Amino acid sequence: MSLYEKWSTAMDNRDMDSIAECIHDDYKFIRHQSGTTMNKTEMVEMMRGFLASDAVEILSKRCIYENQDLLVEHTIMDFADGSREAVLGSTKLKDGLMYETETGATKIEK
């Protein structure tokens, strides 16, 4: 099973343990809104908060590209604040895990 498949299944199931298992201990997430960064612990806690809300819904997702070094994915999501975004994520991989992610997002109409 590819890392994208593991990540996607974990997200669909809102399985925080499986989500955390996809992330390298030295992980860095670069936030598209502010350019600030989060580590693995901060990312997992952010995801826990997102996925605790029934208002957060993944409407569509697809893997654009994946190899041993890079994962590129596109997702359309509804967020708890009522917004909908198309999110493009680029993730560097290390040791088969997510190592560094940067996203870009566009708000879209519902």
PDB file of N, CA and C in Angstrom:
ATOM      1  N   MET A   1       0.851  -1.184   0.000  1.00  0.00           N
ATOM      2  CA  MET A   1       0.000   0.000   0.000  1.00  0.00           C
ATOM      3  C   MET A   1       0.893   1.243   0.000  1.00  0.00           C
ATOM      4  N   SER A   2       0.576   2.194  -0.857  1.00  0.00           N
ATOM      5  CA  SER A   2       1.365   3.424  -0.934  1.00  0.00           C
ATOM      6  C   SER A   2       1.097   4.301   0.292  1.00  0.00           C
ATOM      7  N   LEU A   3       1.992   5.236   0.529  1.00  0.00           N
ATOM      8  CA  LEU A   3       1.795   6.163   1.636  1.00  0.00           C
ATOM      9  C   LEU A   3       0.514   6.971   1.425  1.00  0.00           C
ATOM     10  N   TYR A   4       0.265   7.395   0.198  1.00  0.00           N
ATOM     11  CA  TYR A   4      -0.971   8.139  -0.077  1.00  0.00           C
ATOM     12  C   TYR A   4      -2.198   7.305   0.302  1.00  0.00           C
ATOM     13  N   GLU A   5      -2.205   6.032  -0.058  1.00  0.00           N
ATOM     14  CA  GLU A   5      -3.346   5.168   0.279  1.00  0.00           C
ATOM     15  C   GLU A   5      -3.510   5.045   1.791  1.00  0.00           C
ATOM     16  N   LYS A   6      -2.399   4.897   2.521  1.00  0.00           N
ATOM     17  CA  LYS A   6      -2.468   4.820   3.991  1.00  0.00           C
ATOM     18  C   LYS A   6      -3.013   6.125   4.565  1.00  0.00           C
ATOM     19  N   TRP A   7      -2.473   7.256   4.087  1.00  0.00           N
ATOM     20  CA  TRP A   7      -2.890   8.578   4.554  1.00  0.00           C
ATOM     21  C   TRP A   7      -4.370   8.820   4.246  1.00  0.00           C
ATOM     22  N   SER A   8      -4.767   8.519   3.037  1.00  0.00           N
ATOM     23  CA  SER A   8      -6.137   8.735   2.588  1.00  0.00           C
ATOM     24  C   SER A   8      -7.126   7.897   3.396  1.00  0.00           C
ATOM     25  N   THR A   9      -6.786   6.645   3.624  1.00  0.00           N
ATOM     26  CA  THR A   9      -7.645   5.763   4.419  1.00  0.00           C
ATOM     27  C   THR A   9      -7.750   6.264   5.854  1.00  0.00           C
ATOM     28  N   ALA A  10      -6.620   6.679   6.424  1.00  0.00           N
ATOM     29  CA  ALA A  10      -6.618   7.202   7.794  1.00  0.00           C
ATOM     30  C   ALA A  10      -7.488   8.452   7.896  1.00  0.00           C
ATOM     31  N   MET A  11      -7.394   9.331   6.901  1.00  0.00           N
ATOM     32  CA  MET A  11      -8.219  10.543   6.899  1.00  0.00           C
ATOM     33  C   MET A  11      -9.701  10.189   6.771  1.00  0.00           C
ATOM     34  N   ASP A  12     -10.029   9.286   5.865  1.00  0.00           N
ATOM     35  CA  ASP A  12     -11.426   8.870   5.688  1.00  0.00           C
ATOM     36  C   ASP A  12     -12.008   8.313   6.978  1.00  0.00           C
ATOM     37  N   ASN A  13     -11.191   7.566   7.707  1.00  0.00           N
ATOM     38  CA  ASN A  13     -11.638   6.922   8.940  1.00  0.00           C
ATOM     39  C   ASN A  13     -11.455   7.801  10.176  1.00  0.00           C
ATOM     40  N   ARG A  14     -10.886   8.983   9.980  1.00  0.00           N
ATOM     41  CA  ARG A  14     -10.586   9.895  11.089  1.00  0.00           C
ATOM     42  C   ARG A  14      -9.798   9.170  12.180  1.00  0.00           C
ATOM     43  N   ASP A  15      -8.836   8.377  11.723  1.00  0.00           N
ATOM     44  CA  ASP A  15      -8.025   7.513  12.583  1.00  0.00           C
ATOM     45  C   ASP A  15      -6.717   8.230  12.920  1.00  0.00           C
ATOM     46  N   MET A  16      -6.689   8.902  14.058  1.00  0.00           N
ATOM     47  CA  MET A  16      -5.538   9.719  14.425  1.00  0.00           C
ATOM     48  C   MET A  16      -4.262   8.906  14.621  1.00  0.00           C
ATOM     49  N   ASP A  17      -4.362   7.690  15.129  1.00  0.00           N
ATOM     50  CA  ASP A  17      -3.162   6.861  15.283  1.00  0.00           C
ATOM     51  C   ASP A  17      -2.547   6.555  13.924  1.00  0.00           C
ATOM     52  N   SER A  18      -3.377   6.205  12.957  1.00  0.00           N
ATOM     53  CA  SER A  18      -2.874   5.900  11.615  1.00  0.00           C
ATOM     54  C   SER A  18      -2.362   7.151  10.913  1.00  0.00           C
ATOM     55  N   ILE A  19      -3.003   8.283  11.148  1.00  0.00           N
ATOM     56  CA  ILE A  19      -2.507   9.548  10.598  1.00  0.00           C
ATOM     57  C   ILE A  19      -1.110   9.819  11.137  1.00  0.00           C
ATOM     58  N   ALA A  20      -0.934   9.703  12.449  1.00  0.00           N
ATOM     59  CA  ALA A  20       0.374   9.957  13.069  1.00  0.00           C
ATOM     60  C   ALA A  20       1.437   8.995  12.551  1.00  0.00           C
ATOM     61  N   GLU A  21       1.062   7.758  12.258  1.00  0.00           N
ATOM     62  CA  GLU A  21       2.021   6.771  11.749  1.00  0.00           C
ATOM     63  C   GLU A  21       2.539   7.118  10.357  1.00  0.00           C
ATOM     64  N   CYS A  22       1.844   7.961   9.634  1.00  0.00           N
ATOM     65  CA  CYS A  22       2.272   8.376   8.287  1.00  0.00           C
ATOM     66  C   CYS A  22       3.275   9.527   8.331  1.00  0.00           C
ATOM     67  N   ILE A  23       3.478  10.116   9.503  1.00  0.00           N
ATOM     68  CA  ILE A  23       4.266  11.341   9.632  1.00  0.00           C
ATOM     69  C   ILE A  23       5.604  11.051  10.310  1.00  0.00           C
ATOM     70  N   HIS A  24       6.679  11.496   9.691  1.00  0.00           N
ATOM     71  CA  HIS A  24       8.042  11.343  10.207  1.00  0.00           C
ATOM     72  C   HIS A  24       8.195  12.141  11.504  1.00  0.00           C
ATOM     73  N   ASP A  25       9.004  11.649  12.434  1.00  0.00           N
ATOM     74  CA  ASP A  25       9.208  12.351  13.705  1.00  0.00           C
ATOM     75  C   ASP A  25       9.797  13.750  13.515  1.00  0.00           C
ATOM     76  N   ASP A  26      10.564  13.960  12.451  1.00  0.00           N
ATOM     77  CA  ASP A  26      11.183  15.264  12.177  1.00  0.00           C
ATOM     78  C   ASP A  26      10.359  16.108  11.198  1.00  0.00           C
ATOM     79  N   TYR A  27       9.078  15.848  11.133  1.00  0.00           N
ATOM     80  CA  TYR A  27       8.164  16.485  10.179  1.00  0.00           C
ATOM     81  C   TYR A  27       8.083  17.997  10.358  1.00  0.00           C
ATOM     82  N   LYS A  28       7.859  18.674   9.231  1.00  0.00           N
ATOM     83  CA  LYS A  28       7.600  20.115   9.241  1.00  0.00           C
ATOM     84  C   LYS A  28       6.453  20.402   8.272  1.00  0.00           C
ATOM     85  N   PHE A  29       5.436  21.117   8.748  1.00  0.00           N
ATOM     86  CA  PHE A  29       4.316  21.564   7.919  1.00  0.00           C
ATOM     87  C   PHE A  29       4.415  23.073   7.782  1.00  0.00           C
ATOM     88  N   ILE A  30       4.395  23.556   6.546  1.00  0.00           N
ATOM     89  CA  ILE A  30       4.450  24.991   6.291  1.00  0.00           C
ATOM     90  C   ILE A  30       3.038  25.456   5.961  1.00  0.00           C
ATOM     91  N   ARG A  31       2.494  26.314   6.802  1.00  0.00           N
ATOM     92  CA  ARG A  31       1.098  26.755   6.664  1.00  0.00           C
ATOM     93  C   ARG A  31       0.954  27.739   5.514  1.00  0.00           C
ATOM     94  N   HIS A  32       0.004  27.469   4.634  1.00  0.00           N
ATOM     95  CA  HIS A  32      -0.188  28.340   3.477  1.00  0.00           C
ATOM     96  C   HIS A  32      -0.749  29.706   3.864  1.00  0.00           C
ATOM     97  N   GLN A  33      -1.451  29.776   4.975  1.00  0.00           N
ATOM     98  CA  GLN A  33      -2.057  31.043   5.376  1.00  0.00           C
ATOM     99  C   GLN A  33      -1.020  32.051   5.860  1.00  0.00           C
ATOM    100  N   SER A  34      -0.005  31.561   6.580  1.00  0.00           N
ATOM    101  CA  SER A  34       0.913  32.475   7.261  1.00  0.00           C
ATOM    102  C   SER A  34       2.390  32.218   6.985  1.00  0.00           C
ATOM    103  N   GLY A  35       2.729  31.066   6.437  1.00  0.00           N
ATOM    104  CA  GLY A  35       4.134  30.729   6.240  1.00  0.00           C
ATOM    105  C   GLY A  35       4.799  30.197   7.498  1.00  0.00           C
ATOM    106  N   THR A  36       4.058  30.151   8.609  1.00  0.00           N
ATOM    107  CA  THR A  36       4.616  29.594   9.839  1.00  0.00           C
ATOM    108  C   THR A  36       4.693  28.075   9.720  1.00  0.00           C
ATOM    109  N   THR A  37       5.437  27.445  10.611  1.00  0.00           N
ATOM    110  CA  THR A  37       5.617  25.996  10.544  1.00  0.00           C
ATOM    111  C   THR A  37       5.072  25.312  11.792  1.00  0.00           C
ATOM    112  N   MET A  38       4.772  24.030  11.619  1.00  0.00           N
ATOM    113  CA  MET A  38       4.358  23.170  12.727  1.00  0.00           C
ATOM    114  C   MET A  38       5.162  21.883  12.652  1.00  0.00           C
ATOM    115  N   ASN A  39       5.426  21.288  13.808  1.00  0.00           N
ATOM    116  CA  ASN A  39       6.103  19.990  13.853  1.00  0.00           C
ATOM    117  C   ASN A  39       5.059  18.865  13.875  1.00  0.00           C
ATOM    118  N   LYS A  40       5.526  17.636  14.013  1.00  0.00           N
ATOM    119  CA  LYS A  40       4.613  16.489  13.985  1.00  0.00           C
ATOM    120  C   LYS A  40       3.543  16.585  15.069  1.00  0.00           C
ATOM    121  N   THR A  41       3.947  16.871  16.288  1.00  0.00           N
ATOM    122  CA  THR A  41       2.994  16.930  17.398  1.00  0.00           C
ATOM    123  C   THR A  41       1.931  17.994  17.144  1.00  0.00           C
ATOM    124  N   GLU A  42       2.368  19.168  16.697  1.00  0.00           N
ATOM    125  CA  GLU A  42       1.429  20.254  16.421  1.00  0.00           C
ATOM    126  C   GLU A  42       0.493  19.901  15.266  1.00  0.00           C
ATOM    127  N   MET A  43       1.042  19.245  14.255  1.00  0.00           N
ATOM    128  CA  MET A  43       0.229  18.854  13.095  1.00  0.00           C
ATOM    129  C   MET A  43      -0.836  17.838  13.496  1.00  0.00           C
ATOM    130  N   VAL A  44      -0.439  16.843  14.273  1.00  0.00           N
ATOM    131  CA  VAL A  44      -1.389  15.816  14.706  1.00  0.00           C
ATOM    132  C   VAL A  44      -2.497  16.453  15.550  1.00  0.00           C
ATOM    133  N   GLU A  45      -2.141  17.379  16.421  1.00  0.00           N
ATOM    134  CA  GLU A  45      -3.157  18.040  17.242  1.00  0.00           C
ATOM    135  C   GLU A  45      -4.086  18.900  16.391  1.00  0.00           C
ATOM    136  N   MET A  46      -3.540  19.582  15.373  1.00  0.00           N
ATOM    137  CA  MET A  46      -4.384  20.360  14.475  1.00  0.00           C
ATOM    138  C   MET A  46      -5.360  19.443  13.736  1.00  0.00           C
ATOM    139  N   MET A  47      -4.845  18.320  13.242  1.00  0.00           N
ATOM    140  CA  MET A  47      -5.693  17.366  12.527  1.00  0.00           C
ATOM    141  C   MET A  47      -6.763  16.792  13.454  1.00  0.00           C
ATOM    142  N   ARG A  48      -6.393  16.525  14.692  1.00  0.00           N
ATOM    143  CA  ARG A  48      -7.361  16.008  15.665  1.00  0.00           C
ATOM    144  C   ARG A  48      -8.515  17.007  15.831  1.00  0.00           C
ATOM    145  N   GLY A  49      -8.189  18.284  15.933  1.00  0.00           N
ATOM    146  CA  GLY A  49      -9.215  19.312  16.057  1.00  0.00           C
ATOM    147  C   GLY A  49     -10.093  19.404  14.820  1.00  0.00           C
ATOM    148  N   PHE A  50      -9.462  19.376  13.634  1.00  0.00           N
ATOM    149  CA  PHE A  50     -10.229  19.406  12.384  1.00  0.00           C
ATOM    150  C   PHE A  50     -11.203  18.249  12.315  1.00  0.00           C
ATOM    151  N   LEU A  51     -10.672  17.062  12.524  1.00  0.00           N
ATOM    152  CA  LEU A  51     -11.461  15.855  12.290  1.00  0.00           C
ATOM    153  C   LEU A  51     -12.470  15.568  13.398  1.00  0.00           C
ATOM    154  N   ALA A  52     -12.370  16.291  14.518  1.00  0.00           N
ATOM    155  CA  ALA A  52     -13.354  16.131  15.589  1.00  0.00           C
ATOM    156  C   ALA A  52     -14.680  16.789  15.211  1.00  0.00           C
ATOM    157  N   SER A  53     -14.635  17.671  14.225  1.00  0.00           N
ATOM    158  CA  SER A  53     -15.838  18.391  13.809  1.00  0.00           C
ATOM    159  C   SER A  53     -16.536  17.663  12.667  1.00  0.00           C
ATOM    160  N   ASP A  54     -17.829  17.425  12.841  1.00  0.00           N
ATOM    161  CA  ASP A  54     -18.614  16.816  11.762  1.00  0.00           C
ATOM    162  C   ASP A  54     -18.739  17.752  10.559  1.00  0.00           C
ATOM    163  N   ALA A  55     -18.494  19.052  10.778  1.00  0.00           N
ATOM    164  CA  ALA A  55     -18.578  20.019   9.679  1.00  0.00           C
ATOM    165  C   ALA A  55     -17.402  19.885   8.711  1.00  0.00           C
ATOM    166  N   VAL A  56     -16.312  19.277   9.162  1.00  0.00           N
ATOM    167  CA  VAL A  56     -15.156  19.063   8.286  1.00  0.00           C
ATOM    168  C   VAL A  56     -15.436  17.839   7.434  1.00  0.00           C
ATOM    169  N   GLU A  57     -15.428  18.051   6.128  1.00  0.00           N
ATOM    170  CA  GLU A  57     -15.743  16.965   5.209  1.00  0.00           C
ATOM    171  C   GLU A  57     -14.805  17.020   4.012  1.00  0.00           C
ATOM    172  N   ILE A  58     -14.242  15.871   3.681  1.00  0.00           N
ATOM    173  CA  ILE A  58     -13.429  15.747   2.480  1.00  0.00           C
ATOM    174  C   ILE A  58     -14.377  15.392   1.345  1.00  0.00           C
ATOM    175  N   LEU A  59     -14.529  16.314   0.412  1.00  0.00           N
ATOM    176  CA  LEU A  59     -15.485  16.132  -0.683  1.00  0.00           C
ATOM    177  C   LEU A  59     -14.872  15.365  -1.841  1.00  0.00           C
ATOM    178  N   SER A  60     -13.613  15.622  -2.109  1.00  0.00           N
ATOM    179  CA  SER A  60     -12.907  14.866  -3.143  1.00  0.00           C
ATOM    180  C   SER A  60     -11.419  14.927  -2.861  1.00  0.00           C
ATOM    181  N   LYS A  61     -10.724  13.902  -3.305  1.00  0.00           N
ATOM    182  CA  LYS A  61      -9.275  13.867  -3.115  1.00  0.00           C
ATOM    183  C   LYS A  61      -8.670  12.982  -4.182  1.00  0.00           C
ATOM    184  N   ARG A  62      -7.436  13.324  -4.540  1.00  0.00           N
ATOM    185  CA  ARG A  62      -6.734  12.476  -5.492  1.00  0.00           C
ATOM    186  C   ARG A  62      -5.242  12.679  -5.344  1.00  0.00           C
ATOM    187  N   CYS A  63      -4.541  11.638  -5.653  1.00  0.00           N
ATOM    188  CA  CYS A  63      -3.088  11.675  -5.684  1.00  0.00           C
ATOM    189  C   CYS A  63      -2.685  12.090  -7.096  1.00  0.00           C
ATOM    190  N   ILE A  64      -1.978  13.190  -7.208  1.00  0.00           N
ATOM    191  CA  ILE A  64      -1.500  13.649  -8.507  1.00  0.00           C
ATOM    192  C   ILE A  64      -0.204  12.939  -8.865  1.00  0.00           C
ATOM    193  N   TYR A  65       0.674  12.762  -7.854  1.00  0.00           N
ATOM    194  CA  TYR A  65       1.970  12.133  -8.103  1.00  0.00           C
ATOM    195  C   TYR A  65       2.515  11.591  -6.788  1.00  0.00           C
ATOM    196  N   GLU A  66       3.140  10.422  -6.866  1.00  0.00           N
ATOM    197  CA  GLU A  66       3.809   9.864  -5.691  1.00  0.00           C
ATOM    198  C   GLU A  66       4.961   8.988  -6.153  1.00  0.00           C
ATOM    199  N   ASN A  67       6.123   9.220  -5.548  1.00  0.00           N
ATOM    200  CA  ASN A  67       7.247   8.300  -5.676  1.00  0.00           C
ATOM    201  C   ASN A  67       7.921   8.221  -4.310  1.00  0.00           C
ATOM    202  N   GLN A  68       9.132   7.704  -4.239  1.00  0.00           N
ATOM    203  CA  GLN A  68       9.781   7.516  -2.935  1.00  0.00           C
ATOM    204  C   GLN A  68      10.206   8.835  -2.284  1.00  0.00           C
ATOM    205  N   ASP A  69      10.221   9.922  -3.065  1.00  0.00           N
ATOM    206  CA  ASP A  69      10.688  11.208  -2.549  1.00  0.00           C
ATOM    207  C   ASP A  69       9.606  12.265  -2.390  1.00  0.00           C
ATOM    208  N   LEU A  70       8.489  12.104  -3.095  1.00  0.00           N
ATOM    209  CA  LEU A  70       7.518  13.187  -3.172  1.00  0.00           C
ATOM    210  C   LEU A  70       6.091  12.662  -3.314  1.00  0.00           C
ATOM    211  N   LEU A  71       5.174  13.351  -2.649  1.00  0.00           N
ATOM    212  CA  LEU A  71       3.739  13.083  -2.764  1.00  0.00           C
ATOM    213  C   LEU A  71       3.045  14.412  -3.061  1.00  0.00           C
ATOM    214  N   VAL A  72       2.249  14.442  -4.115  1.00  0.00           N
ATOM    215  CA  VAL A  72       1.466  15.632  -4.463  1.00  0.00           C
ATOM    216  C   VAL A  72       0.001  15.213  -4.493  1.00  0.00           C
ATOM    217  N   GLU A  73      -0.834  15.925  -3.737  1.00  0.00           N
ATOM    218  CA  GLU A  73      -2.248  15.569  -3.658  1.00  0.00           C
ATOM    219  C   GLU A  73      -3.124  16.809  -3.793  1.00  0.00           C
ATOM    220  N   HIS A  74      -4.350  16.593  -4.259  1.00  0.00           N
ATOM    221  CA  HIS A  74      -5.328  17.666  -4.382  1.00  0.00           C
ATOM    222  C   HIS A  74      -6.591  17.236  -3.645  1.00  0.00           C
ATOM    223  N   THR A  75      -7.104  18.135  -2.811  1.00  0.00           N
ATOM    224  CA  THR A  75      -8.272  17.829  -1.989  1.00  0.00           C
ATOM    225  C   THR A  75      -9.239  19.009  -2.012  1.00  0.00           C
ATOM    226  N   ILE A  76     -10.512  18.717  -2.036  1.00  0.00           N
ATOM    227  CA  ILE A  76     -11.530  19.748  -1.825  1.00  0.00           C
ATOM    228  C   ILE A  76     -12.211  19.416  -0.506  1.00  0.00           C
ATOM    229  N   MET A  77     -12.211  20.403   0.407  1.00  0.00           N
ATOM    230  CA  MET A  77     -12.697  20.170   1.764  1.00  0.00           C
ATOM    231  C   MET A  77     -13.621  21.281   2.225  1.00  0.00           C
ATOM    232  N   ASP A  78     -14.592  20.898   3.048  1.00  0.00           N
ATOM    233  CA  ASP A  78     -15.381  21.852   3.820  1.00  0.00           C
ATOM    234  C   ASP A  78     -14.770  21.914   5.212  1.00  0.00           C
ATOM    235  N   PHE A  79     -14.680  23.123   5.765  1.00  0.00           N
ATOM    236  CA  PHE A  79     -14.088  23.319   7.081  1.00  0.00           C
ATOM    237  C   PHE A  79     -15.150  23.731   8.095  1.00  0.00           C
ATOM    238  N   ALA A  80     -14.789  23.658   9.372  1.00  0.00           N
ATOM    239  CA  ALA A  80     -15.730  23.930  10.459  1.00  0.00           C
ATOM    240  C   ALA A  80     -16.257  25.361  10.422  1.00  0.00           C
ATOM    241  N   ASP A  81     -15.495  26.288   9.846  1.00  0.00           N
ATOM    242  CA  ASP A  81     -15.949  27.683   9.775  1.00  0.00           C
ATOM    243  C   ASP A  81     -16.920  27.933   8.623  1.00  0.00           C
ATOM    244  N   GLY A  82     -17.278  26.862   7.892  1.00  0.00           N
ATOM    245  CA  GLY A  82     -18.225  26.978   6.791  1.00  0.00           C
ATOM    246  C   GLY A  82     -17.584  27.211   5.438  1.00  0.00           C
ATOM    247  N   SER A  83     -16.269  27.384   5.418  1.00  0.00           N
ATOM    248  CA  SER A  83     -15.592  27.628   4.143  1.00  0.00           C
ATOM    249  C   SER A  83     -15.318  26.316   3.408  1.00  0.00           C
ATOM    250  N   ARG A  84     -15.120  26.443   2.115  1.00  0.00           N
ATOM    251  CA  ARG A  84     -14.729  25.311   1.269  1.00  0.00           C
ATOM    252  C   ARG A  84     -13.451  25.728   0.549  1.00  0.00           C
ATOM    253  N   GLU A  85     -12.465  24.833   0.541  1.00  0.00           N
ATOM    254  CA  GLU A  85     -11.198  25.139  -0.109  1.00  0.00           C
ATOM    255  C   GLU A  85     -10.752  23.989  -0.988  1.00  0.00           C
ATOM    256  N   ALA A  86     -10.101  24.364  -2.085  1.00  0.00           N
ATOM    257  CA  ALA A  86      -9.349  23.413  -2.894  1.00  0.00           C
ATOM    258  C   ALA A  86      -7.907  23.524  -2.409  1.00  0.00           C
ATOM    259  N   VAL A  87      -7.337  22.410  -1.952  1.00  0.00           N
ATOM    260  CA  VAL A  87      -6.008  22.423  -1.346  1.00  0.00           C
ATOM    261  C   VAL A  87      -5.066  21.556  -2.165  1.00  0.00           C
ATOM    262  N   LEU A  88      -3.945  22.148  -2.555  1.00  0.00           N
ATOM    263  CA  LEU A  88      -2.890  21.418  -3.246  1.00  0.00           C
ATOM    264  C   LEU A  88      -1.748  21.256  -2.262  1.00  0.00           C
ATOM    265  N   GLY A  89      -1.365  20.011  -1.994  1.00  0.00           N
ATOM    266  CA  GLY A  89      -0.296  19.737  -1.048  1.00  0.00           C
ATOM    267  C   GLY A  89       0.878  19.056  -1.711  1.00  0.00           C
ATOM    268  N   SER A  90       2.064  19.533  -1.391  1.00  0.00           N
ATOM    269  CA  SER A  90       3.304  18.927  -1.858  1.00  0.00           C
ATOM    270  C   SER A  90       4.079  18.469  -0.628  1.00  0.00           C
ATOM    271  N   THR A  91       4.382  17.174  -0.567  1.00  0.00           N
ATOM    272  CA  THR A  91       5.035  16.616   0.611  1.00  0.00           C
ATOM    273  C   THR A  91       6.303  15.879   0.225  1.00  0.00           C
ATOM    274  N   LYS A  92       7.419  16.315   0.819  1.00  0.00           N
ATOM    275  CA  LYS A  92       8.667  15.579   0.669  1.00  0.00           C
ATOM    276  C   LYS A  92       8.588  14.366   1.585  1.00  0.00           C
ATOM    277  N   LEU A  93       9.109  13.238   1.117  1.00  0.00           N
ATOM    278  CA  LEU A  93       9.080  12.000   1.898  1.00  0.00           C
ATOM    279  C   LEU A  93      10.484  11.642   2.364  1.00  0.00           C
ATOM    280  N   LYS A  94      10.548  11.001   3.527  1.00  0.00           N
ATOM    281  CA  LYS A  94      11.811  10.515   4.082  1.00  0.00           C
ATOM    282  C   LYS A  94      11.510   9.233   4.836  1.00  0.00           C
ATOM    283  N   ASP A  95      12.267   8.201   4.560  1.00  0.00           N
ATOM    284  CA  ASP A  95      12.068   6.900   5.217  1.00  0.00           C
ATOM    285  C   ASP A  95      10.639   6.383   5.018  1.00  0.00           C
ATOM    286  N   GLY A  96      10.037   6.720   3.883  1.00  0.00           N
ATOM    287  CA  GLY A  96       8.689   6.252   3.574  1.00  0.00           C
ATOM    288  C   GLY A  96       7.577   6.991   4.293  1.00  0.00           C
ATOM    289  N   LEU A  97       7.915   8.113   4.931  1.00  0.00           N
ATOM    290  CA  LEU A  97       6.937   8.881   5.704  1.00  0.00           C
ATOM    291  C   LEU A  97       6.904  10.332   5.239  1.00  0.00           C
ATOM    292  N   MET A  98       5.842  11.032   5.611  1.00  0.00           N
ATOM    293  CA  MET A  98       5.717  12.452   5.297  1.00  0.00           C
ATOM    294  C   MET A  98       6.746  13.222   6.116  1.00  0.00           C
ATOM    295  N   TYR A  99       7.574  14.020   5.421  1.00  0.00           N
ATOM    296  CA  TYR A  99       8.683  14.712   6.078  1.00  0.00           C
ATOM    297  C   TYR A  99       8.508  16.232   6.082  1.00  0.00           C
ATOM    298  N   GLU A 100       8.059  16.797   4.968  1.00  0.00           N
ATOM    299  CA  GLU A 100       7.852  18.245   4.899  1.00  0.00           C
ATOM    300  C   GLU A 100       6.724  18.543   3.919  1.00  0.00           C
ATOM    301  N   THR A 101       5.708  19.223   4.412  1.00  0.00           N
ATOM    302  CA  THR A 101       4.533  19.528   3.595  1.00  0.00           C
ATOM    303  C   THR A 101       4.352  21.026   3.467  1.00  0.00           C
ATOM    304  N   GLU A 102       4.024  21.431   2.253  1.00  0.00           N
ATOM    305  CA  GLU A 102       3.616  22.812   2.010  1.00  0.00           C
ATOM    306  C   GLU A 102       2.332  22.758   1.197  1.00  0.00           C
ATOM    307  N   THR A 103       1.399  23.624   1.535  1.00  0.00           N
ATOM    308  CA  THR A 103       0.111  23.624   0.850  1.00  0.00           C
ATOM    309  C   THR A 103      -0.181  24.989   0.245  1.00  0.00           C
ATOM    310  N   GLY A 104      -1.061  24.959  -0.706  1.00  0.00           N
ATOM    311  CA  GLY A 104      -1.651  26.171  -1.259  1.00  0.00           C
ATOM    312  C   GLY A 104      -3.140  25.916  -1.334  1.00  0.00           C
ATOM    313  N   ALA A 105      -3.937  26.915  -1.016  1.00  0.00           N
ATOM    314  CA  ALA A 105      -5.384  26.704  -0.990  1.00  0.00           C
ATOM    315  C   ALA A 105      -6.111  27.860  -1.651  1.00  0.00           C
ATOM    316  N   THR A 106      -7.221  27.522  -2.267  1.00  0.00           N
ATOM    317  CA  THR A 106      -8.089  28.509  -2.892  1.00  0.00           C
ATOM    318  C   THR A 106      -9.496  28.317  -2.341  1.00  0.00           C
ATOM    319  N   LYS A 107     -10.063  29.393  -1.798  1.00  0.00           N
ATOM    320  CA  LYS A 107     -11.460  29.314  -1.349  1.00  0.00           C
ATOM    321  C   LYS A 107     -12.349  29.192  -2.569  1.00  0.00           C
ATOM    322  N   ILE A 108     -13.342  28.315  -2.460  1.00  0.00           N
ATOM    323  CA  ILE A 108     -14.284  28.135  -3.559  1.00  0.00           C
ATOM    324  C   ILE A 108     -15.710  28.219  -3.020  1.00  0.00           C
ATOM    325  N   GLU A 109     -16.619  28.566  -3.878  1.00  0.00           N
ATOM    326  CA  GLU A 109     -18.026  28.691  -3.493  1.00  0.00           C
ATOM    327  C   GLU A 109     -18.657  27.317  -3.316  1.00  0.00           C
ATOM    328  N   LYS A 110     -19.586  27.242  -2.388  1.00  0.00           N
ATOM    329  CA  LYS A 110     -20.326  25.997  -2.173  1.00  0.00           C
ATOM    330  C   LYS A 110     -21.453  25.904  -3.160  1.00  0.00           C
TER     331      LYS A 110
END
